[in-house]
Amino acid sequence: MACYRELVDKQPTAHAHLLLGDAYMNIQEPDKAIQVYETALKKNPRDSVLASKIGSALVKTHDYAKAINYYEA
């Protein structure tokens, strides 16, 4: 995780945030992943794959209504 956080600190690109979010999902931290994914989505608002990843993370946190909004968007 430290490597991914350092990458985001040095290169705060949408892709770096995506990698950090994926790392959080891999260690079962969907709440942290959602925060990072949403930051990435602000940098790249038309990324449908990213919106889908947020939706998946929201399902893991049982926030189904918000997940549906991301899937529809």
PDB file of N, CA and C in Angstrom:
ATOM      1  N   MET A   1       0.815  -1.186   0.000  1.00  0.00           N
ATOM      2  CA  MET A   1       0.000   0.000   0.000  1.00  0.00           C
ATOM      3  C   MET A   1       0.859   1.250   0.000  1.00  0.00           C
ATOM      4  N   ALA A   2       1.961   1.183   0.704  1.00  0.00           N
ATOM      5  CA  ALA A   2       2.826   2.359   0.801  1.00  0.00           C
ATOM      6  C   ALA A   2       3.334   2.776  -0.573  1.00  0.00           C
ATOM      7  N   CYS A   3       3.631   1.804  -1.410  1.00  0.00           N
ATOM      8  CA  CYS A   3       4.124   2.116  -2.760  1.00  0.00           C
ATOM      9  C   CYS A   3       3.060   2.840  -3.576  1.00  0.00           C
ATOM     10  N   TYR A   4       1.820   2.372  -3.479  1.00  0.00           N
ATOM     11  CA  TYR A   4       0.744   3.003  -4.232  1.00  0.00           C
ATOM     12  C   TYR A   4       0.436   4.402  -3.692  1.00  0.00           C
ATOM     13  N   ARG A   5       0.465   4.574  -2.372  1.00  0.00           N
ATOM     14  CA  ARG A   5       0.240   5.896  -1.794  1.00  0.00           C
ATOM     15  C   ARG A   5       1.345   6.860  -2.208  1.00  0.00           C
ATOM     16  N   GLU A   6       2.578   6.363  -2.238  1.00  0.00           N
ATOM     17  CA  GLU A   6       3.701   7.199  -2.657  1.00  0.00           C
ATOM     18  C   GLU A   6       3.559   7.579  -4.130  1.00  0.00           C
ATOM     19  N   LEU A   7       3.095   6.643  -4.943  1.00  0.00           N
ATOM     20  CA  LEU A   7       2.869   6.925  -6.357  1.00  0.00           C
ATOM     21  C   LEU A   7       1.839   8.035  -6.527  1.00  0.00           C
ATOM     22  N   VAL A   8       0.749   7.960  -5.756  1.00  0.00           N
ATOM     23  CA  VAL A   8      -0.289   8.996  -5.829  1.00  0.00           C
ATOM     24  C   VAL A   8       0.263  10.336  -5.354  1.00  0.00           C
ATOM     25  N   ASP A   9       1.093  10.315  -4.325  1.00  0.00           N
ATOM     26  CA  ASP A   9       1.682  11.564  -3.832  1.00  0.00           C
ATOM     27  C   ASP A   9       2.584  12.210  -4.871  1.00  0.00           C
ATOM     28  N   LYS A  10       3.337  11.387  -5.581  1.00  0.00           N
ATOM     29  CA  LYS A  10       4.292  11.924  -6.566  1.00  0.00           C
ATOM     30  C   LYS A  10       3.657  12.193  -7.922  1.00  0.00           C
ATOM     31  N   GLN A  11       2.670  11.400  -8.296  1.00  0.00           N
ATOM     32  CA  GLN A  11       1.966  11.561  -9.570  1.00  0.00           C
ATOM     33  C   GLN A  11       0.475  11.413  -9.324  1.00  0.00           C
ATOM     34  N   PRO A  12      -0.204  12.476  -8.940  1.00  0.00           N
ATOM     35  CA  PRO A  12      -1.631  12.360  -8.607  1.00  0.00           C
ATOM     36  C   PRO A  12      -2.539  12.289  -9.847  1.00  0.00           C
ATOM     37  N   THR A  13      -2.246  11.340 -10.711  1.00  0.00           N
ATOM     38  CA  THR A  13      -3.047  11.158 -11.922  1.00  0.00           C
ATOM     39  C   THR A  13      -4.242  10.253 -11.628  1.00  0.00           C
ATOM     40  N   ALA A  14      -5.192  10.245 -12.538  1.00  0.00           N
ATOM     41  CA  ALA A  14      -6.352   9.371 -12.398  1.00  0.00           C
ATOM     42  C   ALA A  14      -5.914   7.911 -12.355  1.00  0.00           C
ATOM     43  N   HIS A  15      -4.935   7.562 -13.186  1.00  0.00           N
ATOM     44  CA  HIS A  15      -4.476   6.167 -13.234  1.00  0.00           C
ATOM     45  C   HIS A  15      -3.816   5.751 -11.914  1.00  0.00           C
ATOM     46  N   ALA A  16      -3.029   6.634 -11.323  1.00  0.00           N
ATOM     47  CA  ALA A  16      -2.386   6.321 -10.043  1.00  0.00           C
ATOM     48  C   ALA A  16      -3.442   6.111  -8.960  1.00  0.00           C
ATOM     49  N   HIS A  17      -4.483   6.949  -8.970  1.00  0.00           N
ATOM     50  CA  HIS A  17      -5.569   6.783  -8.007  1.00  0.00           C
ATOM     51  C   HIS A  17      -6.307   5.463  -8.253  1.00  0.00           C
ATOM     52  N   LEU A  18      -6.486   5.122  -9.502  1.00  0.00           N
ATOM     53  CA  LEU A  18      -7.143   3.858  -9.845  1.00  0.00           C
ATOM     54  C   LEU A  18      -6.349   2.677  -9.280  1.00  0.00           C
ATOM     55  N   LEU A  19      -5.045   2.699  -9.434  1.00  0.00           N
ATOM     56  CA  LEU A  19      -4.206   1.620  -8.904  1.00  0.00           C
ATOM     57  C   LEU A  19      -4.309   1.534  -7.379  1.00  0.00           C
ATOM     58  N   LEU A  20      -4.307   2.692  -6.714  1.00  0.00           N
ATOM     59  CA  LEU A  20      -4.433   2.698  -5.260  1.00  0.00           C
ATOM     60  C   LEU A  20      -5.804   2.166  -4.834  1.00  0.00           C
ATOM     61  N   GLY A  21      -6.844   2.565  -5.546  1.00  0.00           N
ATOM     62  CA  GLY A  21      -8.184   2.061  -5.246  1.00  0.00           C
ATOM     63  C   GLY A  21      -8.269   0.554  -5.419  1.00  0.00           C
ATOM     64  N   ASP A  22      -7.679   0.050  -6.491  1.00  0.00           N
ATOM     65  CA  ASP A  22      -7.663  -1.400  -6.711  1.00  0.00           C
ATOM     66  C   ASP A  22      -6.918  -2.116  -5.588  1.00  0.00           C
ATOM     67  N   ALA A  23      -5.833  -1.524  -5.126  1.00  0.00           N
ATOM     68  CA  ALA A  23      -5.070  -2.122  -4.023  1.00  0.00           C
ATOM     69  C   ALA A  23      -5.925  -2.178  -2.754  1.00  0.00           C
ATOM     70  N   TYR A  24      -6.668  -1.106  -2.486  1.00  0.00           N
ATOM     71  CA  TYR A  24      -7.566  -1.122  -1.319  1.00  0.00           C
ATOM     72  C   TYR A  24      -8.638  -2.202  -1.469  1.00  0.00           C
ATOM     73  N   MET A  25      -9.163  -2.357  -2.649  1.00  0.00           N
ATOM     74  CA  MET A  25     -10.167  -3.402  -2.860  1.00  0.00           C
ATOM     75  C   MET A  25      -9.567  -4.785  -2.637  1.00  0.00           C
ATOM     76  N   ASN A  26      -8.327  -4.976  -3.035  1.00  0.00           N
ATOM     77  CA  ASN A  26      -7.671  -6.275  -2.868  1.00  0.00           C
ATOM     78  C   ASN A  26      -7.461  -6.638  -1.403  1.00  0.00           C
ATOM     79  N   ILE A  27      -7.367  -5.636  -0.536  1.00  0.00           N
ATOM     80  CA  ILE A  27      -7.195  -5.938   0.887  1.00  0.00           C
ATOM     81  C   ILE A  27      -8.506  -5.716   1.657  1.00  0.00           C
ATOM     82  N   GLN A  28      -9.614  -5.724   0.933  1.00  0.00           N
ATOM     83  CA  GLN A  28     -10.949  -5.640   1.538  1.00  0.00           C
ATOM     84  C   GLN A  28     -11.183  -4.339   2.307  1.00  0.00           C
ATOM     85  N   GLU A  29     -10.797  -3.226   1.693  1.00  0.00           N
ATOM     86  CA  GLU A  29     -11.033  -1.901   2.269  1.00  0.00           C
ATOM     87  C   GLU A  29     -11.860  -1.068   1.284  1.00  0.00           C
ATOM     88  N   PRO A  30     -13.124  -1.461   1.034  1.00  0.00           N
ATOM     89  CA  PRO A  30     -13.913  -0.764   0.017  1.00  0.00           C
ATOM     90  C   PRO A  30     -14.197   0.699   0.329  1.00  0.00           C
ATOM     91  N   ASP A  31     -14.304   1.062   1.611  1.00  0.00           N
ATOM     92  CA  ASP A  31     -14.559   2.466   1.957  1.00  0.00           C
ATOM     93  C   ASP A  31     -13.417   3.368   1.501  1.00  0.00           C
ATOM     94  N   LYS A  32     -12.195   2.925   1.755  1.00  0.00           N
ATOM     95  CA  LYS A  32     -11.034   3.697   1.310  1.00  0.00           C
ATOM     96  C   LYS A  32     -10.930   3.695  -0.208  1.00  0.00           C
ATOM     97  N   ALA A  33     -11.262   2.572  -0.817  1.00  0.00           N
ATOM     98  CA  ALA A  33     -11.222   2.475  -2.274  1.00  0.00           C
ATOM     99  C   ALA A  33     -12.200   3.457  -2.907  1.00  0.00           C
ATOM    100  N   ILE A  34     -13.383   3.572  -2.334  1.00  0.00           N
ATOM    101  CA  ILE A  34     -14.392   4.491  -2.880  1.00  0.00           C
ATOM    102  C   ILE A  34     -13.869   5.915  -2.873  1.00  0.00           C
ATOM    103  N   GLN A  35     -13.259   6.330  -1.787  1.00  0.00           N
ATOM    104  CA  GLN A  35     -12.716   7.693  -1.696  1.00  0.00           C
ATOM    105  C   GLN A  35     -11.680   7.944  -2.785  1.00  0.00           C
ATOM    106  N   VAL A  36     -10.790   6.979  -2.971  1.00  0.00           N
ATOM    107  CA  VAL A  36      -9.726   7.126  -3.962  1.00  0.00           C
ATOM    108  C   VAL A  36     -10.302   7.083  -5.376  1.00  0.00           C
ATOM    109  N   TYR A  37     -11.227   6.159  -5.621  1.00  0.00           N
ATOM    110  CA  TYR A  37     -11.862   6.070  -6.936  1.00  0.00           C
ATOM    111  C   TYR A  37     -12.608   7.362  -7.272  1.00  0.00           C
ATOM    112  N   GLU A  38     -13.290   7.951  -6.294  1.00  0.00           N
ATOM    113  CA  GLU A  38     -14.026   9.190  -6.553  1.00  0.00           C
ATOM    114  C   GLU A  38     -13.070  10.333  -6.893  1.00  0.00           C
ATOM    115  N   THR A  39     -11.909  10.355  -6.276  1.00  0.00           N
ATOM    116  CA  THR A  39     -10.897  11.350  -6.629  1.00  0.00           C
ATOM    117  C   THR A  39     -10.447  11.148  -8.068  1.00  0.00           C
ATOM    118  N   ALA A  40     -10.249   9.898  -8.453  1.00  0.00           N
ATOM    119  CA  ALA A  40      -9.853   9.594  -9.826  1.00  0.00           C
ATOM    120  C   ALA A  40     -10.961   9.986 -10.806  1.00  0.00           C
ATOM    121  N   LEU A  41     -12.209   9.768 -10.413  1.00  0.00           N
ATOM    122  CA  LEU A  41     -13.334  10.092 -11.294  1.00  0.00           C
ATOM    123  C   LEU A  41     -13.448  11.595 -11.502  1.00  0.00           C
ATOM    124  N   LYS A  42     -13.081  12.383 -10.512  1.00  0.00           N
ATOM    125  CA  LYS A  42     -13.075  13.842 -10.679  1.00  0.00           C
ATOM    126  C   LYS A  42     -12.053  14.262 -11.721  1.00  0.00           C
ATOM    127  N   LYS A  43     -10.954  13.531 -11.792  1.00  0.00           N
ATOM    128  CA  LYS A  43      -9.907  13.835 -12.766  1.00  0.00           C
ATOM    129  C   LYS A  43     -10.262  13.327 -14.164  1.00  0.00           C
ATOM    130  N   ASN A  44     -11.102  12.306 -14.230  1.00  0.00           N
ATOM    131  CA  ASN A  44     -11.484  11.696 -15.496  1.00  0.00           C
ATOM    132  C   ASN A  44     -12.974  11.331 -15.438  1.00  0.00           C
ATOM    133  N   PRO A  45     -13.864  12.339 -15.511  1.00  0.00           N
ATOM    134  CA  PRO A  45     -15.292  12.107 -15.251  1.00  0.00           C
ATOM    135  C   PRO A  45     -16.024  11.236 -16.267  1.00  0.00           C
ATOM    136  N   ARG A  46     -15.447  10.971 -17.398  1.00  0.00           N
ATOM    137  CA  ARG A  46     -16.130  10.159 -18.412  1.00  0.00           C
ATOM    138  C   ARG A  46     -15.667   8.706 -18.441  1.00  0.00           C
ATOM    139  N   ASP A  47     -14.942   8.296 -17.422  1.00  0.00           N
ATOM    140  CA  ASP A  47     -14.404   6.931 -17.360  1.00  0.00           C
ATOM    141  C   ASP A  47     -15.465   5.977 -16.813  1.00  0.00           C
ATOM    142  N   SER A  48     -16.100   5.241 -17.702  1.00  0.00           N
ATOM    143  CA  SER A  48     -17.174   4.331 -17.295  1.00  0.00           C
ATOM    144  C   SER A  48     -16.651   3.138 -16.499  1.00  0.00           C
ATOM    145  N   VAL A  49     -15.447   2.696 -16.776  1.00  0.00           N
ATOM    146  CA  VAL A  49     -14.858   1.579 -16.026  1.00  0.00           C
ATOM    147  C   VAL A  49     -14.667   1.997 -14.569  1.00  0.00           C
ATOM    148  N   LEU A  50     -14.226   3.207 -14.374  1.00  0.00           N
ATOM    149  CA  LEU A  50     -14.021   3.723 -13.026  1.00  0.00           C
ATOM    150  C   LEU A  50     -15.346   3.845 -12.280  1.00  0.00           C
ATOM    151  N   ALA A  51     -16.371   4.328 -12.949  1.00  0.00           N
ATOM    152  CA  ALA A  51     -17.700   4.420 -12.331  1.00  0.00           C
ATOM    153  C   ALA A  51     -18.194   3.028 -11.937  1.00  0.00           C
ATOM    154  N   SER A  52     -17.925   2.048 -12.764  1.00  0.00           N
ATOM    155  CA  SER A  52     -18.309   0.672 -12.462  1.00  0.00           C
ATOM    156  C   SER A  52     -17.560   0.140 -11.241  1.00  0.00           C
ATOM    157  N   LYS A  53     -16.285   0.480 -11.124  1.00  0.00           N
ATOM    158  CA  LYS A  53     -15.496   0.052  -9.963  1.00  0.00           C
ATOM    159  C   LYS A  53     -16.044   0.680  -8.685  1.00  0.00           C
ATOM    160  N   ILE A  54     -16.465   1.946  -8.775  1.00  0.00           N
ATOM    161  CA  ILE A  54     -17.068   2.595  -7.609  1.00  0.00           C
ATOM    162  C   ILE A  54     -18.356   1.870  -7.244  1.00  0.00           C
ATOM    163  N   GLY A  55     -19.154   1.542  -8.250  1.00  0.00           N
ATOM    164  CA  GLY A  55     -20.386   0.804  -8.005  1.00  0.00           C
ATOM    165  C   GLY A  55     -20.121  -0.524  -7.313  1.00  0.00           C
ATOM    166  N   SER A  56     -19.115  -1.246  -7.753  1.00  0.00           N
ATOM    167  CA  SER A  56     -18.771  -2.533  -7.130  1.00  0.00           C
ATOM    168  C   SER A  56     -18.332  -2.352  -5.677  1.00  0.00           C
ATOM    169  N   ALA A  57     -17.542  -1.310  -5.435  1.00  0.00           N
ATOM    170  CA  ALA A  57     -17.093  -1.049  -4.070  1.00  0.00           C
ATOM    171  C   ALA A  57     -18.279  -0.671  -3.181  1.00  0.00           C
ATOM    172  N   LEU A  58     -19.214   0.095  -3.724  1.00  0.00           N
ATOM    173  CA  LEU A  58     -20.400   0.478  -2.954  1.00  0.00           C
ATOM    174  C   LEU A  58     -21.263  -0.735  -2.624  1.00  0.00           C
ATOM    175  N   VAL A  59     -21.340  -1.686  -3.526  1.00  0.00           N
ATOM    176  CA  VAL A  59     -22.088  -2.920  -3.251  1.00  0.00           C
ATOM    177  C   VAL A  59     -21.447  -3.643  -2.068  1.00  0.00           C
ATOM    178  N   LYS A  60     -20.137  -3.675  -2.016  1.00  0.00           N
ATOM    179  CA  LYS A  60     -19.454  -4.345  -0.905  1.00  0.00           C
ATOM    180  C   LYS A  60     -19.724  -3.663   0.439  1.00  0.00           C
ATOM    181  N   THR A  61     -20.028  -2.350   0.388  1.00  0.00           N
ATOM    182  CA  THR A  61     -20.359  -1.633   1.620  1.00  0.00           C
ATOM    183  C   THR A  61     -21.864  -1.611   1.868  1.00  0.00           C
ATOM    184  N   HIS A  62     -22.619  -2.302   1.026  1.00  0.00           N
ATOM    185  CA  HIS A  62     -24.076  -2.425   1.139  1.00  0.00           C
ATOM    186  C   HIS A  62     -24.810  -1.111   0.879  1.00  0.00           C
ATOM    187  N   ASP A  63     -24.182  -0.202   0.149  1.00  0.00           N
ATOM    188  CA  ASP A  63     -24.828   1.060  -0.236  1.00  0.00           C
ATOM    189  C   ASP A  63     -25.380   0.882  -1.651  1.00  0.00           C
ATOM    190  N   TYR A  64     -26.440   0.088  -1.735  1.00  0.00           N
ATOM    191  CA  TYR A  64     -26.975  -0.324  -3.033  1.00  0.00           C
ATOM    192  C   TYR A  64     -27.572   0.835  -3.820  1.00  0.00           C
ATOM    193  N   ALA A  65     -28.232   1.760  -3.161  1.00  0.00           N
ATOM    194  CA  ALA A  65     -28.863   2.882  -3.864  1.00  0.00           C
ATOM    195  C   ALA A  65     -27.812   3.746  -4.556  1.00  0.00           C
ATOM    196  N   LYS A  66     -26.739   4.041  -3.849  1.00  0.00           N
ATOM    197  CA  LYS A  66     -25.671   4.850  -4.446  1.00  0.00           C
ATOM    198  C   LYS A  66     -24.961   4.066  -5.551  1.00  0.00           C
ATOM    199  N   ALA A  67     -24.815   2.756  -5.371  1.00  0.00           N
ATOM    200  CA  ALA A  67     -24.195   1.915  -6.402  1.00  0.00           C
ATOM    201  C   ALA A  67     -24.999   1.962  -7.689  1.00  0.00           C
ATOM    202  N   ILE A  68     -26.307   1.906  -7.566  1.00  0.00           N
ATOM    203  CA  ILE A  68     -27.176   1.960  -8.761  1.00  0.00           C
ATOM    204  C   ILE A  68     -26.958   3.276  -9.494  1.00  0.00           C
ATOM    205  N   ASN A  69     -26.819   4.374  -8.752  1.00  0.00           N
ATOM    206  CA  ASN A  69     -26.587   5.665  -9.405  1.00  0.00           C
ATOM    207  C   ASN A  69     -25.308   5.656 -10.235  1.00  0.00           C
ATOM    208  N   TYR A  70     -24.259   5.044  -9.714  1.00  0.00           N
ATOM    209  CA  TYR A  70     -23.005   4.975 -10.466  1.00  0.00           C
ATOM    210  C   TYR A  70     -23.140   4.066 -11.679  1.00  0.00           C
ATOM    211  N   TYR A  71     -23.837   2.956 -11.517  1.00  0.00           N
ATOM    212  CA  TYR A  71     -24.023   2.049 -12.647  1.00  0.00           C
ATOM    213  C   TYR A  71     -24.851   2.711 -13.740  1.00  0.00           C
ATOM    214  N   GLU A  72     -25.870   3.468 -13.364  1.00  0.00           N
ATOM    215  CA  GLU A  72     -26.698   4.135 -14.368  1.00  0.00           C
ATOM    216  C   GLU A  72     -25.955   5.267 -15.070  1.00  0.00           C
ATOM    217  N   ALA A  73     -25.105   5.945 -14.315  1.00  0.00           N
ATOM    218  CA  ALA A  73     -24.350   7.056 -14.902  1.00  0.00           C
ATOM    219  C   ALA A  73     -23.326   6.511 -15.889  1.00  0.00           C
TER     220      ALA A  73
END
